[in-house]
N, C-alpha and C. Protein backbone atom coordinates (compact mmCIF):
# COMPACT_ATOMS: atom_id res chain seq x y z
N ALA A 1 -16.37 5.40 23.22
CA ALA A 1 -16.25 6.69 21.95
C ALA A 1 -15.16 7.18 21.58
N ASP A 2 -15.16 7.80 20.25
CA ASP A 2 -13.61 8.38 20.16
C ASP A 2 -13.59 9.53 19.31
N ASP A 3 -12.89 10.47 18.61
CA ASP A 3 -13.16 11.55 18.16
C ASP A 3 -11.25 11.88 17.37
N SER A 4 -11.48 12.11 16.15
CA SER A 4 -9.91 12.31 15.26
C SER A 4 -10.45 13.90 14.40
N GLY A 5 -9.15 13.93 14.19
CA GLY A 5 -8.99 15.21 13.48
C GLY A 5 -7.72 15.04 12.78
N LEU A 6 -7.50 16.16 11.90
CA LEU A 6 -6.60 16.65 11.32
C LEU A 6 -5.21 17.25 11.34
N ALA A 7 -4.01 17.65 12.04
CA ALA A 7 -3.13 18.28 12.67
C ALA A 7 -2.35 18.97 11.84
N VAL A 8 -2.13 20.21 11.59
CA VAL A 8 -1.28 20.51 9.98
C VAL A 8 -0.25 21.23 11.10
N ASP A 9 0.96 21.05 10.80
CA ASP A 9 1.99 21.55 11.22
C ASP A 9 2.40 23.17 11.20
N PHE A 10 1.79 23.37 9.58
CA PHE A 10 1.98 24.84 9.50
C PHE A 10 1.08 25.32 9.88
N LEU A 11 -0.32 25.13 10.32
CA LEU A 11 -1.13 25.60 10.68
C LEU A 11 -1.78 25.42 12.47
N GLY A 12 -0.21 25.34 12.83
CA GLY A 12 -0.51 25.08 14.40
C GLY A 12 -1.07 24.27 15.02
N GLY A 13 -1.64 22.62 14.02
CA GLY A 13 -2.60 22.17 14.65
C GLY A 13 -3.74 22.59 14.34
N ALA A 14 -4.01 23.06 13.31
CA ALA A 14 -5.28 22.76 13.21
C ALA A 14 -5.29 22.44 11.48
N PRO A 15 -6.64 21.59 11.16
CA PRO A 15 -7.84 22.23 11.62
C PRO A 15 -8.48 21.45 13.46
N GLY A 16 -7.83 20.43 13.69
CA GLY A 16 -7.66 19.82 14.74
C GLY A 16 -9.18 19.32 15.16
N ILE A 17 -9.27 19.67 16.38
CA ILE A 17 -10.48 18.99 16.70
C ILE A 17 -12.09 19.82 15.93
N TYR A 18 -11.43 20.79 15.32
CA TYR A 18 -12.81 21.32 14.08
C TYR A 18 -12.42 20.62 12.66
N SER A 19 -12.02 19.82 12.60
CA SER A 19 -11.87 19.09 11.29
C SER A 19 -12.97 18.95 10.40
N ALA A 20 -14.22 18.87 10.79
CA ALA A 20 -15.40 18.41 10.27
C ALA A 20 -16.30 19.40 9.51
N ARG A 21 -16.06 21.12 10.82
CA ARG A 21 -16.91 21.79 10.68
C ARG A 21 -15.91 23.32 10.46
N TYR A 22 -14.23 22.80 9.82
CA TYR A 22 -13.25 23.86 9.21
C TYR A 22 -13.58 24.98 8.50
N ALA A 23 -14.95 24.59 7.37
CA ALA A 23 -15.26 25.62 6.78
C ALA A 23 -16.68 25.82 7.36
N ASP A 24 -17.05 26.08 8.33
CA ASP A 24 -18.41 26.47 8.60
C ASP A 24 -19.35 25.53 8.50
N GLY A 25 -19.08 24.21 8.90
CA GLY A 25 -19.89 22.80 8.66
C GLY A 25 -20.61 22.63 7.12
N ARG A 26 -19.51 23.33 6.16
CA ARG A 26 -20.41 23.05 4.27
C ARG A 26 -20.27 22.15 4.02
N GLY A 27 -18.95 21.13 4.65
CA GLY A 27 -18.19 19.60 3.79
C GLY A 27 -17.03 19.66 3.53
N ASP A 28 -17.30 18.27 3.16
CA ASP A 28 -15.43 18.12 2.84
C ASP A 28 -15.22 18.56 1.86
N ALA A 29 -16.18 19.01 0.75
CA ALA A 29 -15.39 20.01 -0.41
C ALA A 29 -14.81 21.19 0.10
N ALA A 30 -16.14 21.80 0.87
CA ALA A 30 -15.63 23.15 1.39
C ALA A 30 -13.86 23.19 2.12
N ASN A 31 -14.80 22.00 3.06
CA ASN A 31 -13.10 22.14 4.10
C ASN A 31 -11.51 22.19 3.17
N ASN A 32 -12.03 21.00 2.36
CA ASN A 32 -10.48 20.89 1.83
C ASN A 32 -9.89 21.96 0.60
N ALA A 33 -11.18 22.68 0.27
CA ALA A 33 -11.05 23.66 -0.21
C ALA A 33 -10.51 25.16 0.52
N LYS A 34 -10.96 25.17 1.71
CA LYS A 34 -10.63 26.18 2.59
C LYS A 34 -8.55 25.25 2.82
N LEU A 35 -8.12 23.96 3.15
CA LEU A 35 -7.06 24.22 3.50
C LEU A 35 -6.25 24.13 2.14
N LEU A 36 -7.00 23.74 1.03
CA LEU A 36 -5.49 24.19 0.22
C LEU A 36 -5.49 25.37 -0.11
N GLU A 37 -6.46 26.51 0.02
CA GLU A 37 -6.17 27.99 -0.03
C GLU A 37 -5.44 28.01 0.83
N ALA A 38 -5.40 27.76 2.34
CA ALA A 38 -4.97 27.85 3.87
C ALA A 38 -2.79 27.61 3.50
N MET A 39 -2.91 26.70 2.63
CA MET A 39 -1.57 26.47 1.76
C MET A 39 -0.96 26.54 0.99
N LYS A 40 -1.40 27.21 0.11
CA LYS A 40 -1.24 27.61 -1.62
C LYS A 40 0.18 28.34 -1.21
N ASP A 41 0.79 28.83 -0.50
CA ASP A 41 2.35 29.28 -0.63
C ASP A 41 3.24 28.49 -0.08
N VAL A 42 2.34 27.49 1.01
CA VAL A 42 3.47 26.68 2.02
C VAL A 42 4.62 26.03 1.39
N PRO A 43 6.09 25.55 1.23
CA PRO A 43 6.94 25.13 0.60
C PRO A 43 6.61 23.51 0.79
N ASP A 44 6.56 22.19 0.02
CA ASP A 44 6.31 21.16 0.52
C ASP A 44 7.15 20.54 1.57
N ALA A 45 8.26 20.97 1.79
CA ALA A 45 9.08 20.71 3.24
C ALA A 45 8.44 21.15 4.37
N GLU A 46 6.93 22.27 4.41
CA GLU A 46 6.48 22.87 5.23
C GLU A 46 4.86 22.07 5.48
N ARG A 47 4.56 21.01 4.46
CA ARG A 47 3.15 20.95 4.49
C ARG A 47 2.83 19.29 5.76
N GLY A 48 3.83 19.33 6.45
CA GLY A 48 3.43 18.17 7.12
C GLY A 48 2.01 18.09 8.25
N ALA A 49 1.79 17.00 8.27
CA ALA A 49 0.09 16.67 8.93
C ALA A 49 0.39 15.55 9.38
N GLN A 50 -0.77 15.17 10.29
CA GLN A 50 -1.03 14.01 11.43
C GLN A 50 -2.58 14.06 11.13
N PHE A 51 -2.87 12.65 10.86
CA PHE A 51 -4.25 12.55 11.06
C PHE A 51 -3.80 11.89 12.94
N VAL A 52 -4.95 12.60 13.71
CA VAL A 52 -4.79 11.74 14.87
C VAL A 52 -6.32 11.47 15.71
N SER A 53 -6.18 10.49 16.25
CA SER A 53 -7.57 9.87 16.83
C SER A 53 -7.35 9.21 17.90
N VAL A 54 -8.37 9.24 18.95
CA VAL A 54 -8.72 9.20 20.44
C VAL A 54 -9.47 8.43 20.96
N LEU A 55 -9.45 7.30 21.42
CA LEU A 55 -10.58 6.36 21.49
C LEU A 55 -10.90 6.22 23.44
N ALA A 56 -11.52 6.14 23.71
CA ALA A 56 -11.94 6.05 25.39
C ALA A 56 -12.54 5.32 25.42
N LEU A 57 -12.65 3.83 25.89
CA LEU A 57 -13.22 2.90 25.85
C LEU A 57 -13.61 2.36 27.28
N VAL A 58 -14.76 2.28 27.64
CA VAL A 58 -15.50 1.83 29.67
C VAL A 58 -15.65 0.60 29.40
N ARG A 59 -14.88 -0.55 30.34
CA ARG A 59 -15.60 -1.86 30.17
C ARG A 59 -16.81 -1.91 30.89
N HIS A 60 -17.37 -0.97 31.61
CA HIS A 60 -19.01 -0.87 32.57
C HIS A 60 -19.25 0.12 32.58
N ALA A 61 -20.71 0.36 32.68
CA ALA A 61 -21.37 1.72 33.06
C ALA A 61 -20.48 2.23 34.19
N ASP A 62 -19.53 1.65 35.40
CA ASP A 62 -19.43 2.31 36.52
C ASP A 62 -17.89 1.83 36.35
N ASP A 63 -17.10 1.42 35.02
CA ASP A 63 -15.68 1.68 35.15
C ASP A 63 -14.78 2.91 35.60
N PRO A 64 -14.18 2.75 36.66
CA PRO A 64 -13.25 4.08 37.06
C PRO A 64 -11.85 4.81 36.19
N LEU A 65 -11.44 3.48 35.54
CA LEU A 65 -10.39 3.40 35.10
C LEU A 65 -10.75 3.47 33.38
N PRO A 66 -11.04 4.22 32.20
CA PRO A 66 -11.44 4.21 31.27
C PRO A 66 -10.10 3.69 30.35
N ILE A 67 -10.17 2.91 29.54
CA ILE A 67 -8.57 2.96 28.53
C ILE A 67 -9.32 3.46 27.56
N LEU A 68 -8.04 4.45 27.61
CA LEU A 68 -7.57 5.48 26.61
C LEU A 68 -6.20 5.28 25.51
N CYS A 69 -6.62 5.63 24.27
CA CYS A 69 -5.55 5.30 23.32
C CYS A 69 -5.75 6.35 22.15
N GLU A 70 -4.07 6.39 21.57
CA GLU A 70 -4.23 7.70 20.58
C GLU A 70 -3.77 7.01 19.47
N GLY A 71 -3.46 7.33 18.31
CA GLY A 71 -3.65 6.75 17.12
C GLY A 71 -3.14 8.11 16.12
N ILE A 72 -1.64 8.04 15.50
CA ILE A 72 -1.31 9.24 14.87
C ILE A 72 -0.59 8.55 13.59
N TRP A 73 -1.35 9.04 12.63
CA TRP A 73 -0.72 8.58 11.12
C TRP A 73 -0.23 9.84 10.58
N GLU A 74 1.27 9.62 10.46
CA GLU A 74 1.63 10.97 9.84
C GLU A 74 2.08 10.63 8.40
N GLY A 75 1.98 12.44 7.16
CA GLY A 75 2.18 12.71 6.09
C GLY A 75 2.60 13.89 6.08
N ARG A 76 1.85 14.49 4.66
CA ARG A 76 1.47 15.54 4.22
C ARG A 76 0.77 16.36 3.83
N ILE A 77 0.54 17.54 3.50
CA ILE A 77 -0.79 17.95 2.40
C ILE A 77 -0.40 18.08 0.74
N LEU A 78 -1.02 17.77 0.19
CA LEU A 78 -1.35 18.22 -1.13
C LEU A 78 -1.09 19.01 -1.65
N ARG A 79 -0.96 19.27 -3.18
CA ARG A 79 -1.50 20.86 -3.17
C ARG A 79 -2.93 20.54 -4.34
N GLU A 80 -3.13 19.64 -4.39
CA GLU A 80 -4.66 18.90 -5.12
C GLU A 80 -4.73 17.59 -4.89
N ALA A 81 -6.42 17.84 -5.28
CA ALA A 81 -7.05 16.32 -4.23
C ALA A 81 -6.23 15.42 -5.49
N ARG A 82 -6.41 14.10 -4.57
CA ARG A 82 -5.73 12.72 -5.53
C ARG A 82 -6.91 11.46 -5.33
N GLY A 83 -7.17 10.99 -6.09
CA GLY A 83 -8.29 9.85 -5.64
C GLY A 83 -9.29 9.75 -5.59
N ALA A 84 -10.07 8.54 -5.40
CA ALA A 84 -11.61 8.62 -5.01
C ALA A 84 -12.27 7.81 -4.01
N HIS A 85 -11.35 7.33 -3.28
CA HIS A 85 -11.65 6.49 -1.73
C HIS A 85 -11.69 7.38 -0.64
N GLY A 86 -12.41 6.55 0.37
CA GLY A 86 -12.33 7.89 1.56
C GLY A 86 -13.59 8.66 1.45
N PHE A 87 -12.91 9.62 2.33
CA PHE A 87 -13.81 10.78 2.65
C PHE A 87 -12.95 12.32 3.49
N GLY A 88 -13.50 12.76 3.83
CA GLY A 88 -12.98 13.79 4.50
C GLY A 88 -11.63 14.61 3.74
N TYR A 89 -10.63 14.87 4.79
CA TYR A 89 -9.30 15.38 3.93
C TYR A 89 -8.66 14.08 3.03
N ASP A 90 -8.88 12.62 2.95
CA ASP A 90 -8.13 12.02 2.38
C ASP A 90 -7.73 12.02 1.14
N PRO A 91 -8.48 12.93 0.23
CA PRO A 91 -7.91 13.39 -1.22
C PRO A 91 -6.33 14.32 -1.31
N LEU A 92 -6.46 15.01 0.05
CA LEU A 92 -5.19 15.76 0.38
C LEU A 92 -4.04 15.35 0.88
N PHE A 93 -4.51 14.17 1.62
CA PHE A 93 -3.36 13.80 2.67
C PHE A 93 -2.26 12.33 2.04
N TRP A 94 -0.83 12.65 1.54
CA TRP A 94 -0.15 12.13 1.37
C TRP A 94 0.53 11.06 1.91
N VAL A 95 0.22 9.93 2.05
CA VAL A 95 1.08 8.66 2.28
C VAL A 95 2.06 8.33 1.94
N PRO A 96 3.49 9.14 2.79
CA PRO A 96 4.93 8.72 2.26
C PRO A 96 5.02 7.26 2.33
N GLU A 97 4.68 6.19 3.13
CA GLU A 97 5.48 4.94 3.15
C GLU A 97 4.55 3.97 1.73
N ARG A 98 3.49 4.85 0.97
CA ARG A 98 2.85 4.63 -0.01
C ARG A 98 3.05 5.11 -1.46
N ASP A 99 3.12 6.12 -1.12
CA ASP A 99 3.81 7.29 -2.58
C ASP A 99 2.39 7.53 -3.30
N CYS A 100 1.34 7.85 -2.61
CA CYS A 100 0.20 8.28 -2.87
C CYS A 100 -0.65 8.44 -1.57
N SER A 101 -1.81 9.20 -2.01
CA SER A 101 -3.03 10.17 -1.23
C SER A 101 -3.44 9.06 -0.32
N SER A 102 -4.44 9.20 0.41
CA SER A 102 -5.07 8.23 1.31
C SER A 102 -5.90 7.61 0.87
N ALA A 103 -6.73 8.62 -0.13
CA ALA A 103 -7.50 8.29 -0.95
C ALA A 103 -7.63 7.63 -2.41
N GLU A 104 -6.04 7.45 -2.62
CA GLU A 104 -6.00 6.49 -3.88
C GLU A 104 -5.27 5.04 -3.05
N LEU A 105 -5.64 4.72 -1.45
CA LEU A 105 -5.01 3.46 -1.19
C LEU A 105 -6.77 2.79 -1.27
N ALA A 106 -6.71 0.95 -1.67
CA ALA A 106 -7.94 0.62 -1.21
C ALA A 106 -8.20 0.62 0.15
N PRO A 107 -9.84 0.72 0.25
CA PRO A 107 -10.19 0.77 1.51
C PRO A 107 -9.45 -0.50 3.13
N GLU A 108 -9.21 -1.44 2.33
CA GLU A 108 -8.96 -2.43 3.40
C GLU A 108 -7.25 -1.74 3.70
N GLU A 109 -6.54 -1.18 2.90
CA GLU A 109 -4.87 -0.74 3.34
C GLU A 109 -4.87 0.21 3.61
N LYS A 110 -5.59 1.09 3.97
CA LYS A 110 -6.35 2.09 4.92
C LYS A 110 -6.57 1.84 6.07
N ASN A 111 -7.81 1.13 6.00
CA ASN A 111 -7.61 0.22 7.35
C ASN A 111 -6.41 -0.03 8.37
N ARG A 112 -5.78 -0.91 7.64
CA ARG A 112 -4.48 -1.26 8.08
C ARG A 112 -3.69 -0.39 8.44
N LEU A 113 -3.65 0.89 7.68
CA LEU A 113 -1.92 1.72 7.96
C LEU A 113 -2.78 2.99 8.76
N SER A 114 -3.97 3.65 8.64
CA SER A 114 -4.42 4.72 9.18
C SER A 114 -4.14 5.19 10.68
N HIS A 115 -4.31 6.11 11.38
CA HIS A 115 -4.51 6.49 12.64
C HIS A 115 -5.17 5.32 13.83
N ARG A 116 -6.54 4.97 13.16
CA ARG A 116 -7.70 4.07 13.63
C ARG A 116 -6.73 3.12 13.79
N ALA A 117 -6.06 2.54 13.17
CA ALA A 117 -5.21 1.30 12.67
C ALA A 117 -3.80 1.26 14.76
N HIS A 118 -3.64 2.19 14.35
CA HIS A 118 -2.47 2.58 14.97
C HIS A 118 -3.14 2.96 16.74
N GLU A 119 -4.06 3.28 16.81
CA GLU A 119 -5.20 3.72 18.34
C GLU A 119 -5.72 2.43 18.56
N THR A 120 -6.04 1.23 17.83
CA THR A 120 -7.06 0.54 18.41
C THR A 120 -5.49 -0.77 18.52
N ALA A 121 -5.19 -0.87 18.17
CA ALA A 121 -3.64 -1.76 17.98
C ALA A 121 -2.99 -1.57 19.11
N GLN A 122 -3.27 -0.36 19.99
CA GLN A 122 -2.66 -0.47 21.75
C GLN A 122 -3.69 -1.34 22.76
N TYR A 123 -4.95 -1.38 22.36
CA TYR A 123 -5.84 -1.86 23.08
C TYR A 123 -6.04 -3.75 22.89
């Protein structure tokens, strides 16, 4: 099993585990609009964010010691959506090492860079 979320520094780690339901379950567009509103007056230097994912893997039903992996992808929150790929917060998540949003990356490249790639590389 795995779960992931977006942790925004200025918001004390929110939306975090509530990322998918941040705007009361109204979907990605509403989540992004709520995040943009919460961040509208935040200076660029304080817009740090991370996608965080945790994976728990059991090798068999009675496995006493599951494998736990965490992946973190550092970035920042943009002031407006950019890009057409991905889902969720991808259009708002700036990827500094590629100088673009996560939604502007080709899916293959996003898969190599993302928090899930960092997570599964540990296993």
